[in-house]
PDB file of all heavy atoms in Angstrom:
ATOM      1  N   VAL A   1      -8.928  -4.750  -7.729  1.00  0.00           N
ATOM      2  CA  VAL A   1      -7.818  -4.046  -8.400  1.00  0.00           C
ATOM      3  C   VAL A   1      -6.497  -4.281  -7.482  1.00  0.00           C
ATOM      4  O   VAL A   1      -6.549  -3.953  -6.316  1.00  0.00           O
ATOM      5  CB  VAL A   1      -8.040  -2.538  -8.526  1.00  0.00           C
ATOM      6  CG1 VAL A   1      -6.858  -1.811  -9.021  1.00  0.00           C
ATOM      7  CG2 VAL A   1      -9.267  -2.338  -9.423  1.00  0.00           C
ATOM      8  N   LEU A   2      -5.405  -4.599  -8.141  1.00  0.00           N
ATOM      9  CA  LEU A   2      -4.087  -4.579  -7.524  1.00  0.00           C
ATOM     10  C   LEU A   2      -3.372  -3.366  -8.111  1.00  0.00           C
ATOM     11  O   LEU A   2      -2.993  -3.404  -9.252  1.00  0.00           O
ATOM     12  CB  LEU A   2      -3.358  -5.896  -7.764  1.00  0.00           C
ATOM     13  CG  LEU A   2      -1.856  -5.917  -7.240  1.00  0.00           C
ATOM     14  CD1 LEU A   2      -1.849  -5.817  -5.707  1.00  0.00           C
ATOM     15  CD2 LEU A   2      -1.183  -7.211  -7.656  1.00  0.00           C
ATOM     16  N   PHE A   3      -3.179  -2.345  -7.286  1.00  0.00           N
ATOM     17  CA  PHE A   3      -2.621  -1.058  -7.735  1.00  0.00           C
ATOM     18  C   PHE A   3      -1.204  -0.950  -7.213  1.00  0.00           C
ATOM     19  O   PHE A   3      -0.956  -0.846  -6.043  1.00  0.00           O
ATOM     20  CB  PHE A   3      -3.439   0.122  -7.323  1.00  0.00           C
ATOM     21  CG  PHE A   3      -3.238   1.375  -8.093  1.00  0.00           C
ATOM     22  CD1 PHE A   3      -4.096   1.760  -9.108  1.00  0.00           C
ATOM     23  CD2 PHE A   3      -2.124   2.158  -7.768  1.00  0.00           C
ATOM     24  CE1 PHE A   3      -3.808   2.908  -9.843  1.00  0.00           C
ATOM     25  CE2 PHE A   3      -1.891   3.371  -8.484  1.00  0.00           C
ATOM     26  CZ  PHE A   3      -2.715   3.685  -9.551  1.00  0.00           C
ATOM     27  N   ILE A   4      -0.261  -1.027  -8.168  1.00  0.00           N
ATOM     28  CA  ILE A   4       1.207  -1.048  -7.782  1.00  0.00           C
ATOM     29  C   ILE A   4       1.796   0.380  -8.057  1.00  0.00           C
ATOM     30  O   ILE A   4       1.579   0.938  -9.128  1.00  0.00           O
ATOM     31  CB  ILE A   4       1.959  -2.079  -8.613  1.00  0.00           C
ATOM     32  CG1 ILE A   4       1.347  -3.513  -8.389  1.00  0.00           C
ATOM     33  CG2 ILE A   4       3.402  -2.046  -8.410  1.00  0.00           C
ATOM     34  CD1 ILE A   4       1.820  -4.500  -9.378  1.00  0.00           C
ATOM     35  N   THR A   5       2.439   0.887  -6.987  1.00  0.00           N
ATOM     36  CA  THR A   5       2.984   2.224  -7.146  1.00  0.00           C
ATOM     37  C   THR A   5       4.047   2.429  -6.075  1.00  0.00           C
ATOM     38  O   THR A   5       4.156   1.678  -5.126  1.00  0.00           O
ATOM     39  CB  THR A   5       1.847   3.229  -6.995  1.00  0.00           C
ATOM     40  OG1 THR A   5       2.404   4.607  -7.174  1.00  0.00           O
ATOM     41  CG2 THR A   5       1.191   3.212  -5.601  1.00  0.00           C
ATOM     42  N   HIS A   6       4.875   3.460  -6.244  1.00  0.00           N
ATOM     43  CA  HIS A   6       5.791   3.938  -5.233  1.00  0.00           C
ATOM     44  C   HIS A   6       5.255   5.225  -4.643  1.00  0.00           C
ATOM     45  O   HIS A   6       5.908   5.793  -3.688  1.00  0.00           O
ATOM     46  CB  HIS A   6       7.206   4.130  -5.748  1.00  0.00           C
ATOM     47  CG  HIS A   6       7.256   5.183  -6.856  1.00  0.00           C
ATOM     48  ND1 HIS A   6       7.033   4.952  -8.208  1.00  0.00           N
ATOM     49  CD2 HIS A   6       7.480   6.540  -6.734  1.00  0.00           C
ATOM     50  CE1 HIS A   6       7.096   6.028  -8.837  1.00  0.00           C
ATOM     51  NE2 HIS A   6       7.328   7.035  -8.037  1.00  0.00           N
ATOM     52  N   ASN A   7       4.123   5.710  -5.058  1.00  0.00           N
ATOM     53  CA  ASN A   7       3.603   6.994  -4.710  1.00  0.00           C
ATOM     54  C   ASN A   7       2.497   6.784  -3.579  1.00  0.00           C
ATOM     55  O   ASN A   7       1.407   6.347  -3.839  1.00  0.00           O
ATOM     56  CB  ASN A   7       2.967   7.669  -5.926  1.00  0.00           C
ATOM     57  CG  ASN A   7       2.591   9.108  -5.638  1.00  0.00           C
ATOM     58  OD1 ASN A   7       2.128   9.431  -4.512  1.00  0.00           O
ATOM     59  ND2 ASN A   7       2.660   9.953  -6.641  1.00  0.00           N
ATOM     60  N   MET A   8       2.870   7.130  -2.319  1.00  0.00           N
ATOM     61  CA  MET A   8       1.934   6.962  -1.272  1.00  0.00           C
ATOM     62  C   MET A   8       0.698   7.901  -1.372  1.00  0.00           C
ATOM     63  O   MET A   8      -0.366   7.593  -0.880  1.00  0.00           O
ATOM     64  CB  MET A   8       2.602   7.247   0.053  1.00  0.00           C
ATOM     65  CG  MET A   8       3.754   6.269   0.398  1.00  0.00           C
ATOM     66  SD  MET A   8       3.168   4.542   0.576  1.00  0.00           S
ATOM     67  CE  MET A   8       2.397   4.669   2.257  1.00  0.00           C
ATOM     68  N   GLY A   9       0.843   9.043  -2.059  1.00  0.00           N
ATOM     69  CA  GLY A   9      -0.298   9.936  -2.237  1.00  0.00           C
ATOM     70  C   GLY A   9      -1.345   9.292  -3.131  1.00  0.00           C
ATOM     71  O   GLY A   9      -2.557   9.378  -2.849  1.00  0.00           O
ATOM     72  N   VAL A  10      -0.925   8.588  -4.163  1.00  0.00           N
ATOM     73  CA  VAL A  10      -1.767   7.858  -5.026  1.00  0.00           C
ATOM     74  C   VAL A  10      -2.528   6.684  -4.223  1.00  0.00           C
ATOM     75  O   VAL A  10      -3.731   6.547  -4.420  1.00  0.00           O
ATOM     76  CB  VAL A  10      -1.121   7.268  -6.256  1.00  0.00           C
ATOM     77  CG1 VAL A  10      -1.990   6.335  -7.025  1.00  0.00           C
ATOM     78  CG2 VAL A  10      -0.615   8.406  -7.158  1.00  0.00           C
ATOM     79  N   VAL A  11      -1.739   6.047  -3.382  1.00  0.00           N
ATOM     80  CA  VAL A  11      -2.376   4.981  -2.551  1.00  0.00           C
ATOM     81  C   VAL A  11      -3.519   5.528  -1.717  1.00  0.00           C
ATOM     82  O   VAL A  11      -4.549   4.896  -1.561  1.00  0.00           O
ATOM     83  CB  VAL A  11      -1.285   4.295  -1.725  1.00  0.00           C
ATOM     84  CG1 VAL A  11      -1.910   3.449  -0.657  1.00  0.00           C
ATOM     85  CG2 VAL A  11      -0.430   3.456  -2.544  1.00  0.00           C
ATOM     86  N   ALA A  12      -3.312   6.695  -1.093  1.00  0.00           N
ATOM     87  CA  ALA A  12      -4.267   7.314  -0.295  1.00  0.00           C
ATOM     88  C   ALA A  12      -5.530   7.587  -1.027  1.00  0.00           C
ATOM     89  O   ALA A  12      -6.697   7.580  -0.437  1.00  0.00           O
ATOM     90  CB  ALA A  12      -3.720   8.582   0.357  1.00  0.00           C
ATOM     91  N   GLU A  13      -5.426   7.882  -2.361  1.00  0.00           N
ATOM     92  CA  GLU A  13      -6.528   8.261  -3.152  1.00  0.00           C
ATOM     93  C   GLU A  13      -7.383   6.990  -3.568  1.00  0.00           C
ATOM     94  O   GLU A  13      -8.575   7.098  -3.629  1.00  0.00           O
ATOM     95  CB  GLU A  13      -6.060   8.940  -4.436  1.00  0.00           C
ATOM     96  CG  GLU A  13      -5.679  10.365  -4.273  1.00  0.00           C
ATOM     97  CD  GLU A  13      -6.852  11.281  -4.081  1.00  0.00           C
ATOM     98  OE1 GLU A  13      -7.870  11.053  -4.701  1.00  0.00           O
ATOM     99  OE2 GLU A  13      -6.744  12.131  -3.171  1.00  0.00           O
ATOM    100  N   ILE A  14      -6.757   5.848  -3.829  1.00  0.00           N
ATOM    101  CA  ILE A  14      -7.444   4.805  -4.502  1.00  0.00           C
ATOM    102  C   ILE A  14      -7.601   3.484  -3.716  1.00  0.00           C
ATOM    103  O   ILE A  14      -8.507   2.701  -4.024  1.00  0.00           O
ATOM    104  CB  ILE A  14      -6.749   4.538  -5.887  1.00  0.00           C
ATOM    105  CG1 ILE A  14      -7.742   3.786  -6.775  1.00  0.00           C
ATOM    106  CG2 ILE A  14      -5.425   3.746  -5.716  1.00  0.00           C
ATOM    107  CD1 ILE A  14      -7.323   3.751  -8.251  1.00  0.00           C
ATOM    108  N   ALA A  15      -6.766   3.196  -2.695  1.00  0.00           N
ATOM    109  CA  ALA A  15      -6.722   1.876  -2.151  1.00  0.00           C
ATOM    110  C   ALA A  15      -7.608   1.782  -0.934  1.00  0.00           C
ATOM    111  O   ALA A  15      -7.848   2.707  -0.229  1.00  0.00           O
ATOM    112  CB  ALA A  15      -5.224   1.582  -1.724  1.00  0.00           C
ATOM    113  N   ASP A  16      -8.113   0.571  -0.766  1.00  0.00           N
ATOM    114  CA  ASP A  16      -8.816   0.229   0.523  1.00  0.00           C
ATOM    115  C   ASP A  16      -7.848  -0.331   1.563  1.00  0.00           C
ATOM    116  O   ASP A  16      -8.086  -0.193   2.716  1.00  0.00           O
ATOM    117  CB  ASP A  16      -9.871  -0.875   0.197  1.00  0.00           C
ATOM    118  CG  ASP A  16     -10.955  -0.352  -0.768  1.00  0.00           C
ATOM    119  OD1 ASP A  16     -11.689   0.547  -0.447  1.00  0.00           O
ATOM    120  OD2 ASP A  16     -11.010  -0.941  -1.895  1.00  0.00           O
ATOM    121  N   ARG A  17      -6.842  -1.006   1.027  1.00  0.00           N
ATOM    122  CA  ARG A  17      -5.845  -1.688   1.928  1.00  0.00           C
ATOM    123  C   ARG A  17      -4.508  -1.461   1.251  1.00  0.00           C
ATOM    124  O   ARG A  17      -4.370  -1.359   0.037  1.00  0.00           O
ATOM    125  CB  ARG A  17      -6.260  -3.170   2.059  1.00  0.00           C
ATOM    126  CG  ARG A  17      -5.491  -3.924   3.091  1.00  0.00           C
ATOM    127  CD  ARG A  17      -6.057  -5.322   3.306  1.00  0.00           C
ATOM    128  NE  ARG A  17      -5.304  -6.063   4.233  1.00  0.00           N
ATOM    129  CZ  ARG A  17      -5.501  -5.946   5.559  1.00  0.00           C
ATOM    130  NH1 ARG A  17      -6.365  -5.132   6.038  1.00  0.00           N
ATOM    131  NH2 ARG A  17      -4.726  -6.626   6.459  1.00  0.00           N
ATOM    132  N   VAL A  18      -3.444  -1.525   2.081  1.00  0.00           N
ATOM    133  CA  VAL A  18      -2.104  -1.273   1.599  1.00  0.00           C
ATOM    134  C   VAL A  18      -1.134  -2.360   2.060  1.00  0.00           C
ATOM    135  O   VAL A  18      -1.221  -2.785   3.283  1.00  0.00           O
ATOM    136  CB  VAL A  18      -1.489   0.051   2.090  1.00  0.00           C
ATOM    137  CG1 VAL A  18      -0.210   0.375   1.467  1.00  0.00           C
ATOM    138  CG2 VAL A  18      -2.463   1.179   1.756  1.00  0.00           C
ATOM    139  N   ALA A  19      -0.359  -2.945   1.167  1.00  0.00           N
ATOM    140  CA  ALA A  19       0.687  -3.766   1.539  1.00  0.00           C
ATOM    141  C   ALA A  19       2.082  -3.136   1.157  1.00  0.00           C
ATOM    142  O   ALA A  19       2.217  -2.636   0.012  1.00  0.00           O
ATOM    143  CB  ALA A  19       0.654  -5.136   0.829  1.00  0.00           C
ATOM    144  N   VAL A  20       3.014  -3.044   2.096  1.00  0.00           N
ATOM    145  CA  VAL A  20       4.274  -2.333   1.890  1.00  0.00           C
ATOM    146  C   VAL A  20       5.319  -3.449   1.665  1.00  0.00           C
ATOM    147  O   VAL A  20       5.490  -4.308   2.526  1.00  0.00           O
ATOM    148  CB  VAL A  20       4.608  -1.470   3.052  1.00  0.00           C
ATOM    149  CG1 VAL A  20       5.993  -0.761   2.831  1.00  0.00           C
ATOM    150  CG2 VAL A  20       3.577  -0.422   3.389  1.00  0.00           C
ATOM    151  N   MET A  21       6.112  -3.353   0.543  1.00  0.00           N
ATOM    152  CA  MET A  21       7.180  -4.330   0.269  1.00  0.00           C
ATOM    153  C   MET A  21       8.535  -3.669   0.432  1.00  0.00           C
ATOM    154  O   MET A  21       8.705  -2.489   0.100  1.00  0.00           O
ATOM    155  CB  MET A  21       7.028  -4.806  -1.218  1.00  0.00           C
ATOM    156  CG  MET A  21       5.808  -5.774  -1.403  1.00  0.00           C
ATOM    157  SD  MET A  21       5.901  -6.615  -2.976  1.00  0.00           S
ATOM    158  CE  MET A  21       7.191  -7.837  -2.634  1.00  0.00           C
ATOM    159  N   TYR A  22       9.469  -4.527   0.936  1.00  0.00           N
ATOM    160  CA  TYR A  22      10.890  -4.071   1.021  1.00  0.00           C
ATOM    161  C   TYR A  22      11.717  -5.292   0.790  1.00  0.00           C
ATOM    162  O   TYR A  22      11.519  -6.350   1.371  1.00  0.00           O
ATOM    163  CB  TYR A  22      11.118  -3.509   2.409  1.00  0.00           C
ATOM    164  CG  TYR A  22      12.555  -3.046   2.571  1.00  0.00           C
ATOM    165  CD1 TYR A  22      12.937  -1.800   2.060  1.00  0.00           C
ATOM    166  CD2 TYR A  22      13.585  -3.853   3.207  1.00  0.00           C
ATOM    167  CE1 TYR A  22      14.246  -1.360   2.134  1.00  0.00           C
ATOM    168  CE2 TYR A  22      14.807  -3.378   3.342  1.00  0.00           C
ATOM    169  CZ  TYR A  22      15.222  -2.135   2.820  1.00  0.00           C
ATOM    170  OH  TYR A  22      16.490  -1.699   2.889  1.00  0.00           O
ATOM    171  N   ALA A  23      12.617  -5.161  -0.129  1.00  0.00           N
ATOM    172  CA  ALA A  23      13.614  -6.230  -0.463  1.00  0.00           C
ATOM    173  C   ALA A  23      12.940  -7.604  -0.651  1.00  0.00           C
ATOM    174  O   ALA A  23      13.425  -8.628  -0.189  1.00  0.00           O
ATOM    175  CB  ALA A  23      14.650  -6.296   0.667  1.00  0.00           C
ATOM    176  N   GLY A  24      11.852  -7.634  -1.433  1.00  0.00           N
ATOM    177  CA  GLY A  24      11.172  -8.800  -1.830  1.00  0.00           C
ATOM    178  C   GLY A  24      10.159  -9.342  -0.840  1.00  0.00           C
ATOM    179  O   GLY A  24       9.569 -10.383  -1.132  1.00  0.00           O
ATOM    180  N   GLN A  25      10.013  -8.702   0.263  1.00  0.00           N
ATOM    181  CA  GLN A  25       9.084  -9.227   1.323  1.00  0.00           C
ATOM    182  C   GLN A  25       8.007  -8.145   1.586  1.00  0.00           C
ATOM    183  O   GLN A  25       8.253  -6.927   1.517  1.00  0.00           O
ATOM    184  CB  GLN A  25       9.804  -9.566   2.586  1.00  0.00           C
ATOM    185  CG  GLN A  25      10.779 -10.745   2.458  1.00  0.00           C
ATOM    186  CD  GLN A  25      11.489 -10.997   3.719  1.00  0.00           C
ATOM    187  OE1 GLN A  25      11.755 -10.140   4.553  1.00  0.00           O
ATOM    188  NE2 GLN A  25      11.789 -12.251   3.933  1.00  0.00           N
ATOM    189  N   VAL A  26       6.847  -8.617   2.060  1.00  0.00           N
ATOM    190  CA  VAL A  26       5.825  -7.708   2.588  1.00  0.00           C
ATOM    191  C   VAL A  26       6.213  -7.415   4.043  1.00  0.00           C
ATOM    192  O   VAL A  26       6.366  -8.406   4.863  1.00  0.00           O
ATOM    193  CB  VAL A  26       4.383  -8.319   2.504  1.00  0.00           C
ATOM    194  CG1 VAL A  26       3.388  -7.396   3.281  1.00  0.00           C
ATOM    195  CG2 VAL A  26       3.946  -8.467   1.098  1.00  0.00           C
ATOM    196  N   VAL A  27       6.367  -6.169   4.425  1.00  0.00           N
ATOM    197  CA  VAL A  27       6.797  -5.787   5.757  1.00  0.00           C
ATOM    198  C   VAL A  27       5.603  -5.233   6.615  1.00  0.00           C
ATOM    199  O   VAL A  27       5.712  -5.212   7.824  1.00  0.00           O
ATOM    200  CB  VAL A  27       7.988  -4.831   5.788  1.00  0.00           C
ATOM    201  CG1 VAL A  27       9.164  -5.489   5.184  1.00  0.00           C
ATOM    202  CG2 VAL A  27       7.659  -3.508   5.037  1.00  0.00           C
ATOM    203  N   GLU A  28       4.574  -4.781   5.943  1.00  0.00           N
ATOM    204  CA  GLU A  28       3.432  -4.313   6.703  1.00  0.00           C
ATOM    205  C   GLU A  28       2.207  -4.380   5.774  1.00  0.00           C
ATOM    206  O   GLU A  28       2.308  -4.115   4.527  1.00  0.00           O
ATOM    207  CB  GLU A  28       3.656  -2.914   7.211  1.00  0.00           C
ATOM    208  CG  GLU A  28       2.481  -2.369   8.113  1.00  0.00           C
ATOM    209  CD  GLU A  28       2.844  -1.198   8.905  1.00  0.00           C
ATOM    210  OE1 GLU A  28       3.948  -0.561   8.728  1.00  0.00           O
ATOM    211  OE2 GLU A  28       2.007  -0.727   9.690  1.00  0.00           O
ATOM    212  N   GLU A  29       1.012  -4.640   6.384  1.00  0.00           N
ATOM    213  CA  GLU A  29      -0.217  -4.651   5.650  1.00  0.00           C
ATOM    214  C   GLU A  29      -1.352  -4.219   6.568  1.00  0.00           C
ATOM    215  O   GLU A  29      -1.416  -4.647   7.715  1.00  0.00           O
ATOM    216  CB  GLU A  29      -0.530  -6.024   5.099  1.00  0.00           C
ATOM    217  CG  GLU A  29      -1.745  -6.144   4.199  1.00  0.00           C
ATOM    218  CD  GLU A  29      -2.054  -7.548   3.742  1.00  0.00           C
ATOM    219  OE1 GLU A  29      -1.216  -8.404   3.865  1.00  0.00           O
ATOM    220  OE2 GLU A  29      -3.224  -7.713   3.226  1.00  0.00           O
ATOM    221  N   ALA A  30      -2.158  -3.277   6.032  1.00  0.00           N
ATOM    222  CA  ALA A  30      -3.225  -2.729   6.933  1.00  0.00           C
ATOM    223  C   ALA A  30      -4.233  -1.950   6.099  1.00  0.00           C
ATOM    224  O   ALA A  30      -3.919  -1.584   4.874  1.00  0.00           O
ATOM    225  CB  ALA A  30      -2.593  -1.746   7.953  1.00  0.00           C
ATOM    226  N   PRO A  31      -5.421  -1.696   6.608  1.00  0.00           N
ATOM    227  CA  PRO A  31      -6.313  -0.708   5.901  1.00  0.00           C
ATOM    228  C   PRO A  31      -5.634   0.597   5.665  1.00  0.00           C
ATOM    229  O   PRO A  31      -4.842   0.991   6.491  1.00  0.00           O
ATOM    230  CB  PRO A  31      -7.510  -0.608   6.890  1.00  0.00           C
ATOM    231  CG  PRO A  31      -7.454  -1.877   7.735  1.00  0.00           C
ATOM    232  CD  PRO A  31      -6.007  -2.202   7.853  1.00  0.00           C
ATOM    233  N   VAL A  32      -6.023   1.259   4.576  1.00  0.00           N
ATOM    234  CA  VAL A  32      -5.314   2.414   4.173  1.00  0.00           C
ATOM    235  C   VAL A  32      -5.261   3.559   5.197  1.00  0.00           C
ATOM    236  O   VAL A  32      -4.314   4.191   5.445  1.00  0.00           O
ATOM    237  CB  VAL A  32      -5.837   2.947   2.824  1.00  0.00           C
ATOM    238  CG1 VAL A  32      -7.235   3.409   2.844  1.00  0.00           C
ATOM    239  CG2 VAL A  32      -4.921   3.994   2.248  1.00  0.00           C
ATOM    240  N   ALA A  33      -6.456   3.789   5.869  1.00  0.00           N
ATOM    241  CA  ALA A  33      -6.505   4.879   6.798  1.00  0.00           C
ATOM    242  C   ALA A  33      -5.586   4.619   8.019  1.00  0.00           C
ATOM    243  O   ALA A  33      -4.976   5.524   8.555  1.00  0.00           O
ATOM    244  CB  ALA A  33      -7.916   5.053   7.278  1.00  0.00           C
ATOM    245  N   GLU A  34      -5.561   3.344   8.388  1.00  0.00           N
ATOM    246  CA  GLU A  34      -4.774   2.992   9.598  1.00  0.00           C
ATOM    247  C   GLU A  34      -3.227   3.116   9.356  1.00  0.00           C
ATOM    248  O   GLU A  34      -2.446   3.484  10.157  1.00  0.00           O
ATOM    249  CB  GLU A  34      -5.121   1.629  10.091  1.00  0.00           C
ATOM    250  CG  GLU A  34      -6.558   1.555  10.647  1.00  0.00           C
ATOM    251  CD  GLU A  34      -6.907   0.223  11.255  1.00  0.00           C
ATOM    252  OE1 GLU A  34      -6.000  -0.478  11.641  1.00  0.00           O
ATOM    253  OE2 GLU A  34      -8.137  -0.080  11.224  1.00  0.00           O
ATOM    254  N   ILE A  35      -2.853   2.674   8.113  1.00  0.00           N
ATOM    255  CA  ILE A  35      -1.431   2.682   7.816  1.00  0.00           C
ATOM    256  C   ILE A  35      -0.896   4.138   7.698  1.00  0.00           C
ATOM    257  O   ILE A  35       0.318   4.376   8.062  1.00  0.00           O
ATOM    258  CB  ILE A  35      -1.120   1.863   6.576  1.00  0.00           C
ATOM    259  CG1 ILE A  35       0.272   1.215   6.685  1.00  0.00           C
ATOM    260  CG2 ILE A  35      -1.179   2.707   5.308  1.00  0.00           C
ATOM    261  CD1 ILE A  35       0.492   0.074   5.741  1.00  0.00           C
TER     262      ILE A  35
END
């Protein structure tokens, strides 16, 4: 599943890993608990 959202609370509920985008680029990527 690729779950796209602006809601970090939803990400905490469903994701195993998180990629953060800003201005068209990925600026950080990590396991959800660590991020």
